[in-house]
Amino acid sequence: MFGILGAQKIPAGFNLDYLGLLIELVCGVLIFLGLFTRVAAFIASGEMAVAYFMVHAKSAFFPIQNHGELAVIYCFVALFIACRGAGKFGIDRS
């Protein structure tokens, strides 16, 4: 997103790549800190579900066939965090 460590910088603007990176960055930081954890994890889960169906499910439905395993596991881990909450080390502790 920022073009560090040899990565290509994504230009800011309204496209789906930049929007996905922005959602992952903001929600990832919020989940890490434990601040608004349930909402951030739910949004991140939905973003990963959309990413799976827009990118991976075009070639085949099952993740093992279309190499979408990481998108599916991130979706369900974020959904678990959304249901479970921040835990005892989170800032909001709900």
PDB file of N, CA and C in Angstrom:
ATOM      1  N   MET A   1       0.820  -1.190   0.000  1.00  0.00           N
ATOM      2  CA  MET A   1       0.000   0.000   0.000  1.00  0.00           C
ATOM      3  C   MET A   1       0.865   1.255   0.000  1.00  0.00           C
ATOM      4  N   PHE A   2       1.932   1.250   0.777  1.00  0.00           N
ATOM      5  CA  PHE A   2       2.792   2.421   0.883  1.00  0.00           C
ATOM      6  C   PHE A   2       4.044   2.318   0.025  1.00  0.00           C
ATOM      7  N   GLY A   3       4.268   1.189  -0.608  1.00  0.00           N
ATOM      8  CA  GLY A   3       5.432   1.015  -1.459  1.00  0.00           C
ATOM      9  C   GLY A   3       6.718   0.759  -0.694  1.00  0.00           C
ATOM     10  N   ILE A   4       6.632   0.154   0.482  1.00  0.00           N
ATOM     11  CA  ILE A   4       7.842  -0.142   1.245  1.00  0.00           C
ATOM     12  C   ILE A   4       8.222  -1.600   1.060  1.00  0.00           C
ATOM     13  N   LEU A   5       9.455  -1.922   1.366  1.00  0.00           N
ATOM     14  CA  LEU A   5      10.017  -3.275   1.257  1.00  0.00           C
ATOM     15  C   LEU A   5       9.928  -3.815  -0.174  1.00  0.00           C
ATOM     16  N   GLY A   6      10.077  -2.935  -1.152  1.00  0.00           N
ATOM     17  CA  GLY A   6      10.105  -3.359  -2.543  1.00  0.00           C
ATOM     18  C   GLY A   6       8.752  -3.579  -3.177  1.00  0.00           C
ATOM     19  N   ALA A   7       7.684  -3.335  -2.451  1.00  0.00           N
ATOM     20  CA  ALA A   7       6.345  -3.523  -3.003  1.00  0.00           C
ATOM     21  C   ALA A   7       5.975  -2.347  -3.896  1.00  0.00           C
ATOM     22  N   GLN A   8       5.055  -2.590  -4.785  1.00  0.00           N
ATOM     23  CA  GLN A   8       4.587  -1.535  -5.672  1.00  0.00           C
ATOM     24  C   GLN A   8       3.554  -0.690  -4.948  1.00  0.00           C
ATOM     25  N   LYS A   9       3.690   0.618  -5.020  1.00  0.00           N
ATOM     26  CA  LYS A   9       2.771   1.517  -4.336  1.00  0.00           C
ATOM     27  C   LYS A   9       1.454   1.582  -5.099  1.00  0.00           C
ATOM     28  N   ILE A  10       0.358   1.412  -4.366  1.00  0.00           N
ATOM     29  CA  ILE A  10      -0.976   1.500  -4.949  1.00  0.00           C
ATOM     30  C   ILE A  10      -1.391   2.969  -4.942  1.00  0.00           C
ATOM     31  N   PRO A  11      -1.746   3.531  -6.084  1.00  0.00           N
ATOM     32  CA  PRO A  11      -2.155   4.940  -6.076  1.00  0.00           C
ATOM     33  C   PRO A  11      -3.487   5.130  -5.357  1.00  0.00           C
ATOM     34  N   ALA A  12      -3.558   6.198  -4.565  1.00  0.00           N
ATOM     35  CA  ALA A  12      -4.785   6.495  -3.828  1.00  0.00           C
ATOM     36  C   ALA A  12      -5.868   6.905  -4.811  1.00  0.00           C
ATOM     37  N   GLY A  13      -7.063   6.489  -4.529  1.00  0.00           N
ATOM     38  CA  GLY A  13      -8.196   6.782  -5.391  1.00  0.00           C
ATOM     39  C   GLY A  13      -9.273   5.764  -5.108  1.00  0.00           C
ATOM     40  N   PHE A  14     -10.361   5.883  -5.795  1.00  0.00           N
ATOM     41  CA  PHE A  14     -11.447   4.943  -5.545  1.00  0.00           C
ATOM     42  C   PHE A  14     -11.346   3.774  -6.513  1.00  0.00           C
ATOM     43  N   ASN A  15     -10.617   2.756  -6.096  1.00  0.00           N
ATOM     44  CA  ASN A  15     -10.641   1.477  -6.790  1.00  0.00           C
ATOM     45  C   ASN A  15     -10.704   0.384  -5.729  1.00  0.00           C
ATOM     46  N   LEU A  16     -11.049  -0.800  -6.133  1.00  0.00           N
ATOM     47  CA  LEU A  16     -11.275  -1.868  -5.158  1.00  0.00           C
ATOM     48  C   LEU A  16      -9.995  -2.330  -4.481  1.00  0.00           C
ATOM     49  N   ASP A  17      -8.868  -2.265  -5.178  1.00  0.00           N
ATOM     50  CA  ASP A  17      -7.603  -2.659  -4.554  1.00  0.00           C
ATOM     51  C   ASP A  17      -7.267  -1.752  -3.378  1.00  0.00           C
ATOM     52  N   TYR A  18      -7.371  -0.468  -3.611  1.00  0.00           N
ATOM     53  CA  TYR A  18      -7.045   0.490  -2.550  1.00  0.00           C
ATOM     54  C   TYR A  18      -8.048   0.400  -1.407  1.00  0.00           C
ATOM     55  N   LEU A  19      -9.315   0.229  -1.733  1.00  0.00           N
ATOM     56  CA  LEU A  19     -10.340   0.111  -0.691  1.00  0.00           C
ATOM     57  C   LEU A  19     -10.117  -1.135   0.162  1.00  0.00           C
ATOM     58  N   GLY A  20      -9.777  -2.255  -0.480  1.00  0.00           N
ATOM     59  CA  GLY A  20      -9.495  -3.478   0.265  1.00  0.00           C
ATOM     60  C   GLY A  20      -8.278  -3.337   1.161  1.00  0.00           C
ATOM     61  N   LEU A  21      -7.225  -2.710   0.647  1.00  0.00           N
ATOM     62  CA  LEU A  21      -6.032  -2.490   1.468  1.00  0.00           C
ATOM     63  C   LEU A  21      -6.320  -1.572   2.647  1.00  0.00           C
ATOM     64  N   LEU A  22      -7.117  -0.555   2.421  1.00  0.00           N
ATOM     65  CA  LEU A  22      -7.459   0.373   3.489  1.00  0.00           C
ATOM     66  C   LEU A  22      -8.288  -0.313   4.573  1.00  0.00           C
ATOM     67  N   ILE A  23      -9.256  -1.126   4.170  1.00  0.00           N
ATOM     68  CA  ILE A  23     -10.068  -1.872   5.139  1.00  0.00           C
ATOM     69  C   ILE A  23      -9.188  -2.834   5.935  1.00  0.00           C
ATOM     70  N   GLU A  24      -8.298  -3.554   5.258  1.00  0.00           N
ATOM     71  CA  GLU A  24      -7.434  -4.502   5.954  1.00  0.00           C
ATOM     72  C   GLU A  24      -6.496  -3.794   6.920  1.00  0.00           C
ATOM     73  N   LEU A  25      -5.955  -2.648   6.526  1.00  0.00           N
ATOM     74  CA  LEU A  25      -5.040  -1.918   7.391  1.00  0.00           C
ATOM     75  C   LEU A  25      -5.756  -1.375   8.621  1.00  0.00           C
ATOM     76  N   VAL A  26      -6.856  -0.690   8.432  1.00  0.00           N
ATOM     77  CA  VAL A  26      -7.564  -0.068   9.559  1.00  0.00           C
ATOM     78  C   VAL A  26      -8.158  -1.130  10.481  1.00  0.00           C
ATOM     79  N   CYS A  27      -8.838  -2.104   9.909  1.00  0.00           N
ATOM     80  CA  CYS A  27      -9.444  -3.146  10.743  1.00  0.00           C
ATOM     81  C   CYS A  27      -8.387  -4.003  11.432  1.00  0.00           C
ATOM     82  N   GLY A  28      -7.278  -4.268  10.755  1.00  0.00           N
ATOM     83  CA  GLY A  28      -6.203  -5.038  11.374  1.00  0.00           C
ATOM     84  C   GLY A  28      -5.611  -4.330  12.576  1.00  0.00           C
ATOM     85  N   VAL A  29      -5.402  -3.025  12.459  1.00  0.00           N
ATOM     86  CA  VAL A  29      -4.872  -2.256  13.592  1.00  0.00           C
ATOM     87  C   VAL A  29      -5.890  -2.220  14.735  1.00  0.00           C
ATOM     88  N   LEU A  30      -7.168  -2.035  14.403  1.00  0.00           N
ATOM     89  CA  LEU A  30      -8.192  -2.001  15.450  1.00  0.00           C
ATOM     90  C   LEU A  30      -8.324  -3.344  16.162  1.00  0.00           C
ATOM     91  N   ILE A  31      -8.272  -4.427  15.407  1.00  0.00           N
ATOM     92  CA  ILE A  31      -8.349  -5.756  16.013  1.00  0.00           C
ATOM     93  C   ILE A  31      -7.119  -6.012  16.882  1.00  0.00           C
ATOM     94  N   PHE A  32      -5.961  -5.608  16.402  1.00  0.00           N
ATOM     95  CA  PHE A  32      -4.726  -5.787  17.165  1.00  0.00           C
ATOM     96  C   PHE A  32      -4.781  -5.038  18.494  1.00  0.00           C
ATOM     97  N   LEU A  33      -5.297  -3.828  18.465  1.00  0.00           N
ATOM     98  CA  LEU A  33      -5.380  -3.034  19.679  1.00  0.00           C
ATOM     99  C   LEU A  33      -6.538  -3.451  20.585  1.00  0.00           C
ATOM    100  N   GLY A  34      -7.538  -4.095  20.011  1.00  0.00           N
ATOM    101  CA  GLY A  34      -8.709  -4.457  20.790  1.00  0.00           C
ATOM    102  C   GLY A  34      -9.668  -3.302  20.950  1.00  0.00           C
ATOM    103  N   LEU A  35      -9.709  -2.427  19.991  1.00  0.00           N
ATOM    104  CA  LEU A  35     -10.571  -1.257  20.032  1.00  0.00           C
ATOM    105  C   LEU A  35     -11.630  -1.413  18.951  1.00  0.00           C
ATOM    106  N   PHE A  36     -12.905  -1.345  19.339  1.00  0.00           N
ATOM    107  CA  PHE A  36     -14.019  -1.614  18.415  1.00  0.00           C
ATOM    108  C   PHE A  36     -13.816  -2.949  17.701  1.00  0.00           C
ATOM    109  N   THR A  37     -13.428  -3.937  18.473  1.00  0.00           N
ATOM    110  CA  THR A  37     -12.999  -5.217  17.918  1.00  0.00           C
ATOM    111  C   THR A  37     -14.109  -5.927  17.160  1.00  0.00           C
ATOM    112  N   ARG A  38     -15.283  -5.971  17.730  1.00  0.00           N
ATOM    113  CA  ARG A  38     -16.377  -6.712  17.092  1.00  0.00           C
ATOM    114  C   ARG A  38     -16.761  -6.108  15.753  1.00  0.00           C
ATOM    115  N   VAL A  39     -16.874  -4.810  15.697  1.00  0.00           N
ATOM    116  CA  VAL A  39     -17.256  -4.136  14.447  1.00  0.00           C
ATOM    117  C   VAL A  39     -16.144  -4.266  13.414  1.00  0.00           C
ATOM    118  N   ALA A  40     -14.894  -4.039  13.828  1.00  0.00           N
ATOM    119  CA  ALA A  40     -13.767  -4.122  12.907  1.00  0.00           C
ATOM    120  C   ALA A  40     -13.601  -5.537  12.364  1.00  0.00           C
ATOM    121  N   ALA A  41     -13.750  -6.533  13.211  1.00  0.00           N
ATOM    122  CA  ALA A  41     -13.610  -7.914  12.766  1.00  0.00           C
ATOM    123  C   ALA A  41     -14.756  -8.315  11.844  1.00  0.00           C
ATOM    124  N   PHE A  42     -15.949  -7.828  12.101  1.00  0.00           N
ATOM    125  CA  PHE A  42     -17.077  -8.135  11.219  1.00  0.00           C
ATOM    126  C   PHE A  42     -16.868  -7.520   9.839  1.00  0.00           C
ATOM    127  N   ILE A  43     -16.373  -6.294   9.797  1.00  0.00           N
ATOM    128  CA  ILE A  43     -16.095  -5.643   8.512  1.00  0.00           C
ATOM    129  C   ILE A  43     -14.966  -6.374   7.781  1.00  0.00           C
ATOM    130  N   ALA A  44     -13.926  -6.762   8.505  1.00  0.00           N
ATOM    131  CA  ALA A  44     -12.820  -7.494   7.892  1.00  0.00           C
ATOM    132  C   ALA A  44     -13.277  -8.858   7.376  1.00  0.00           C
ATOM    133  N   SER A  45     -14.162  -9.510   8.102  1.00  0.00           N
ATOM    134  CA  SER A  45     -14.696 -10.792   7.660  1.00  0.00           C
ATOM    135  C   SER A  45     -15.492 -10.641   6.368  1.00  0.00           C
ATOM    136  N   GLY A  46     -16.321  -9.627   6.312  1.00  0.00           N
ATOM    137  CA  GLY A  46     -17.083  -9.376   5.088  1.00  0.00           C
ATOM    138  C   GLY A  46     -16.193  -9.019   3.918  1.00  0.00           C
ATOM    139  N   GLU A  47     -15.137  -8.264   4.182  1.00  0.00           N
ATOM    140  CA  GLU A  47     -14.207  -7.900   3.113  1.00  0.00           C
ATOM    141  C   GLU A  47     -13.505  -9.126   2.558  1.00  0.00           C
ATOM    142  N   MET A  48     -13.132 -10.061   3.427  1.00  0.00           N
ATOM    143  CA  MET A  48     -12.469 -11.267   2.943  1.00  0.00           C
ATOM    144  C   MET A  48     -13.437 -12.187   2.206  1.00  0.00           C
ATOM    145  N   ALA A  49     -14.702 -12.206   2.601  1.00  0.00           N
ATOM    146  CA  ALA A  49     -15.691 -12.992   1.876  1.00  0.00           C
ATOM    147  C   ALA A  49     -15.902 -12.421   0.475  1.00  0.00           C
ATOM    148  N   VAL A  50     -15.981 -11.103   0.377  1.00  0.00           N
ATOM    149  CA  VAL A  50     -16.115 -10.454  -0.931  1.00  0.00           C
ATOM    150  C   VAL A  50     -14.882 -10.722  -1.776  1.00  0.00           C
ATOM    151  N   ALA A  51     -13.711 -10.644  -1.179  1.00  0.00           N
ATOM    152  CA  ALA A  51     -12.477 -10.913  -1.916  1.00  0.00           C
ATOM    153  C   ALA A  51     -12.452 -12.344  -2.437  1.00  0.00           C
ATOM    154  N   TYR A  52     -12.903 -13.288  -1.638  1.00  0.00           N
ATOM    155  CA  TYR A  52     -12.932 -14.685  -2.097  1.00  0.00           C
ATOM    156  C   TYR A  52     -13.850 -14.850  -3.296  1.00  0.00           C
ATOM    157  N   PHE A  53     -15.060 -14.311  -3.199  1.00  0.00           N
ATOM    158  CA  PHE A  53     -16.013 -14.529  -4.280  1.00  0.00           C
ATOM    159  C   PHE A  53     -15.698 -13.709  -5.524  1.00  0.00           C
ATOM    160  N   MET A  54     -15.039 -12.568  -5.360  1.00  0.00           N
ATOM    161  CA  MET A  54     -14.703 -11.767  -6.537  1.00  0.00           C
ATOM    162  C   MET A  54     -13.447 -12.262  -7.247  1.00  0.00           C
ATOM    163  N   VAL A  55     -12.499 -12.816  -6.509  1.00  0.00           N
ATOM    164  CA  VAL A  55     -11.226 -13.202  -7.111  1.00  0.00           C
ATOM    165  C   VAL A  55     -11.120 -14.709  -7.301  1.00  0.00           C
ATOM    166  N   HIS A  56     -11.333 -15.468  -6.252  1.00  0.00           N
ATOM    167  CA  HIS A  56     -11.031 -16.893  -6.299  1.00  0.00           C
ATOM    168  C   HIS A  56     -12.163 -17.744  -6.848  1.00  0.00           C
ATOM    169  N   ALA A  57     -13.389 -17.424  -6.517  1.00  0.00           N
ATOM    170  CA  ALA A  57     -14.506 -18.304  -6.888  1.00  0.00           C
ATOM    171  C   ALA A  57     -14.834 -18.260  -8.377  1.00  0.00           C
ATOM    172  N   LYS A  58     -14.195 -17.391  -9.131  1.00  0.00           N
ATOM    173  CA  LYS A  58     -14.439 -17.347 -10.576  1.00  0.00           C
ATOM    174  C   LYS A  58     -13.917 -18.590 -11.275  1.00  0.00           C
ATOM    175  N   SER A  59     -12.805 -19.135 -10.794  1.00  0.00           N
ATOM    176  CA  SER A  59     -12.214 -20.293 -11.466  1.00  0.00           C
ATOM    177  C   SER A  59     -12.825 -21.610 -10.994  1.00  0.00           C
ATOM    178  N   ALA A  60     -13.099 -21.729  -9.710  1.00  0.00           N
ATOM    179  CA  ALA A  60     -13.732 -22.934  -9.155  1.00  0.00           C
ATOM    180  C   ALA A  60     -14.340 -22.542  -7.817  1.00  0.00           C
ATOM    181  N   PHE A  61     -15.314 -23.309  -7.349  1.00  0.00           N
ATOM    182  CA  PHE A  61     -16.009 -22.922  -6.119  1.00  0.00           C
ATOM    183  C   PHE A  61     -15.218 -23.256  -4.865  1.00  0.00           C
ATOM    184  N   PHE A  62     -14.620 -24.430  -4.816  1.00  0.00           N
ATOM    185  CA  PHE A  62     -13.967 -24.878  -3.587  1.00  0.00           C
ATOM    186  C   PHE A  62     -12.587 -24.249  -3.424  1.00  0.00           C
ATOM    187  N   PRO A  63     -12.238 -23.845  -2.197  1.00  0.00           N
ATOM    188  CA  PRO A  63     -10.958 -23.159  -1.970  1.00  0.00           C
ATOM    189  C   PRO A  63      -9.733 -23.993  -2.332  1.00  0.00           C
ATOM    190  N   ILE A  64      -9.814 -25.288  -2.180  1.00  0.00           N
ATOM    191  CA  ILE A  64      -8.651 -26.124  -2.492  1.00  0.00           C
ATOM    192  C   ILE A  64      -8.382 -26.145  -3.995  1.00  0.00           C
ATOM    193  N   GLN A  65      -9.397 -25.892  -4.797  1.00  0.00           N
ATOM    194  CA  GLN A  65      -9.234 -25.883  -6.248  1.00  0.00           C
ATOM    195  C   GLN A  65      -8.814 -24.523  -6.785  1.00  0.00           C
ATOM    196  N   ASN A  66      -9.218 -23.436  -6.125  1.00  0.00           N
ATOM    197  CA  ASN A  66      -8.953 -22.104  -6.672  1.00  0.00           C
ATOM    198  C   ASN A  66      -7.919 -21.315  -5.865  1.00  0.00           C
ATOM    199  N   HIS A  67      -7.227 -21.962  -4.943  1.00  0.00           N
ATOM    200  CA  HIS A  67      -6.175 -21.355  -4.120  1.00  0.00           C
ATOM    201  C   HIS A  67      -6.701 -20.204  -3.260  1.00  0.00           C
ATOM    202  N   GLY A  68      -7.900 -20.342  -2.738  1.00  0.00           N
ATOM    203  CA  GLY A  68      -8.481 -19.315  -1.890  1.00  0.00           C
ATOM    204  C   GLY A  68      -8.516 -19.701  -0.431  1.00  0.00           C
ATOM    205  N   GLU A  69      -7.630 -20.600  -0.017  1.00  0.00           N
ATOM    206  CA  GLU A  69      -7.642 -21.084   1.364  1.00  0.00           C
ATOM    207  C   GLU A  69      -7.396 -19.959   2.368  1.00  0.00           C
ATOM    208  N   LEU A  70      -6.446 -19.094   2.073  1.00  0.00           N
ATOM    209  CA  LEU A  70      -6.138 -18.021   3.019  1.00  0.00           C
ATOM    210  C   LEU A  70      -7.287 -17.031   3.158  1.00  0.00           C
ATOM    211  N   ALA A  71      -7.938 -16.725   2.066  1.00  0.00           N
ATOM    212  CA  ALA A  71      -9.077 -15.808   2.138  1.00  0.00           C
ATOM    213  C   ALA A  71     -10.195 -16.404   2.990  1.00  0.00           C
ATOM    214  N   VAL A  72     -10.436 -17.689   2.844  1.00  0.00           N
ATOM    215  CA  VAL A  72     -11.500 -18.344   3.616  1.00  0.00           C
ATOM    216  C   VAL A  72     -11.133 -18.418   5.097  1.00  0.00           C
ATOM    217  N   ILE A  73      -9.899 -18.777   5.406  1.00  0.00           N
ATOM    218  CA  ILE A  73      -9.527 -18.889   6.814  1.00  0.00           C
ATOM    219  C   ILE A  73      -9.498 -17.530   7.481  1.00  0.00           C
ATOM    220  N   TYR A  74      -9.036 -16.490   6.778  1.00  0.00           N
ATOM    221  CA  TYR A  74      -9.062 -15.142   7.345  1.00  0.00           C
ATOM    222  C   TYR A  74     -10.490 -14.678   7.568  1.00  0.00           C
ATOM    223  N   CYS A  75     -11.393 -15.033   6.665  1.00  0.00           N
ATOM    224  CA  CYS A  75     -12.805 -14.672   6.816  1.00  0.00           C
ATOM    225  C   CYS A  75     -13.387 -15.293   8.077  1.00  0.00           C
ATOM    226  N   PHE A  76     -13.143 -16.571   8.291  1.00  0.00           N
ATOM    227  CA  PHE A  76     -13.727 -17.243   9.440  1.00  0.00           C
ATOM    228  C   PHE A  76     -13.027 -16.895  10.752  1.00  0.00           C
ATOM    229  N   VAL A  77     -11.738 -16.610  10.716  1.00  0.00           N
ATOM    230  CA  VAL A  77     -11.047 -16.169  11.934  1.00  0.00           C
ATOM    231  C   VAL A  77     -11.570 -14.797  12.343  1.00  0.00           C
ATOM    232  N   ALA A  78     -11.748 -13.909  11.382  1.00  0.00           N
ATOM    233  CA  ALA A  78     -12.298 -12.590  11.701  1.00  0.00           C
ATOM    234  C   ALA A  78     -13.731 -12.711  12.200  1.00  0.00           C
ATOM    235  N   LEU A  79     -14.503 -13.622  11.641  1.00  0.00           N
ATOM    236  CA  LEU A  79     -15.869 -13.829  12.111  1.00  0.00           C
ATOM    237  C   LEU A  79     -15.879 -14.386  13.533  1.00  0.00           C
ATOM    238  N   PHE A  80     -14.933 -15.265  13.844  1.00  0.00           N
ATOM    239  CA  PHE A  80     -14.807 -15.774  15.211  1.00  0.00           C
ATOM    240  C   PHE A  80     -14.476 -14.646  16.178  1.00  0.00           C
ATOM    241  N   ILE A  81     -13.542 -13.784  15.792  1.00  0.00           N
ATOM    242  CA  ILE A  81     -13.177 -12.659  16.646  1.00  0.00           C
ATOM    243  C   ILE A  81     -14.357 -11.711  16.811  1.00  0.00           C
ATOM    244  N   ALA A  82     -15.135 -11.531  15.746  1.00  0.00           N
ATOM    245  CA  ALA A  82     -16.312 -10.660  15.836  1.00  0.00           C
ATOM    246  C   ALA A  82     -17.327 -11.222  16.821  1.00  0.00           C
ATOM    247  N   CYS A  83     -17.476 -12.527  16.867  1.00  0.00           N
ATOM    248  CA  CYS A  83     -18.419 -13.137  17.805  1.00  0.00           C
ATOM    249  C   CYS A  83     -17.856 -13.197  19.226  1.00  0.00           C
ATOM    250  N   ARG A  84     -16.585 -13.403  19.347  1.00  0.00           N
ATOM    251  CA  ARG A  84     -15.961 -13.603  20.650  1.00  0.00           C
ATOM    252  C   ARG A  84     -15.612 -12.305  21.369  1.00  0.00           C
ATOM    253  N   GLY A  85     -15.171 -11.294  20.634  1.00  0.00           N
ATOM    254  CA  GLY A  85     -14.806 -10.032  21.261  1.00  0.00           C
ATOM    255  C   GLY A  85     -13.307  -9.900  21.451  1.00  0.00           C
ATOM    256  N   ALA A  86     -12.917  -8.829  22.116  1.00  0.00           N
ATOM    257  CA  ALA A  86     -11.498  -8.495  22.251  1.00  0.00           C
ATOM    258  C   ALA A  86     -10.771  -9.364  23.252  1.00  0.00           C
ATOM    259  N   GLY A  87     -11.436  -9.828  24.255  1.00  0.00           N
ATOM    260  CA  GLY A  87     -10.770 -10.601  25.287  1.00  0.00           C
ATOM    261  C   GLY A  87     -10.243  -9.712  26.396  1.00  0.00           C
ATOM    262  N   LYS A  88      -9.497 -10.288  27.305  1.00  0.00           N
ATOM    263  CA  LYS A  88      -9.082  -9.540  28.488  1.00  0.00           C
ATOM    264  C   LYS A  88      -7.948  -8.563  28.222  1.00  0.00           C
ATOM    265  N   PHE A  89      -7.244  -8.669  27.094  1.00  0.00           N
ATOM    266  CA  PHE A  89      -6.150  -7.764  26.820  1.00  0.00           C
ATOM    267  C   PHE A  89      -6.543  -6.623  25.886  1.00  0.00           C
ATOM    268  N   GLY A  90      -7.761  -6.602  25.394  1.00  0.00           N
ATOM    269  CA  GLY A  90      -8.210  -5.552  24.492  1.00  0.00           C
ATOM    270  C   GLY A  90      -8.483  -4.245  25.225  1.00  0.00           C
ATOM    271  N   ILE A  91      -8.449  -3.168  24.493  1.00  0.00           N
ATOM    272  CA  ILE A  91      -8.704  -1.863  25.100  1.00  0.00           C
ATOM    273  C   ILE A  91     -10.157  -1.745  25.541  1.00  0.00           C
ATOM    274  N   ASP A  92     -11.093  -2.224  24.709  1.00  0.00           N
ATOM    275  CA  ASP A  92     -12.506  -2.062  25.079  1.00  0.00           C
ATOM    276  C   ASP A  92     -13.025  -3.177  25.983  1.00  0.00           C
ATOM    277  N   ARG A  93     -12.357  -4.319  26.047  1.00  0.00           N
ATOM    278  CA  ARG A  93     -12.668  -5.435  26.955  1.00  0.00           C
ATOM    279  C   ARG A  93     -14.159  -5.774  27.031  1.00  0.00           C
ATOM    280  N   SER A  94     -14.788  -5.968  25.858  1.00  0.00           N
ATOM    281  CA  SER A  94     -16.224  -6.290  25.883  1.00  0.00           C
ATOM    282  C   SER A  94     -16.480  -7.733  25.611  1.00  0.00           C
TER     283      SER A  94
END
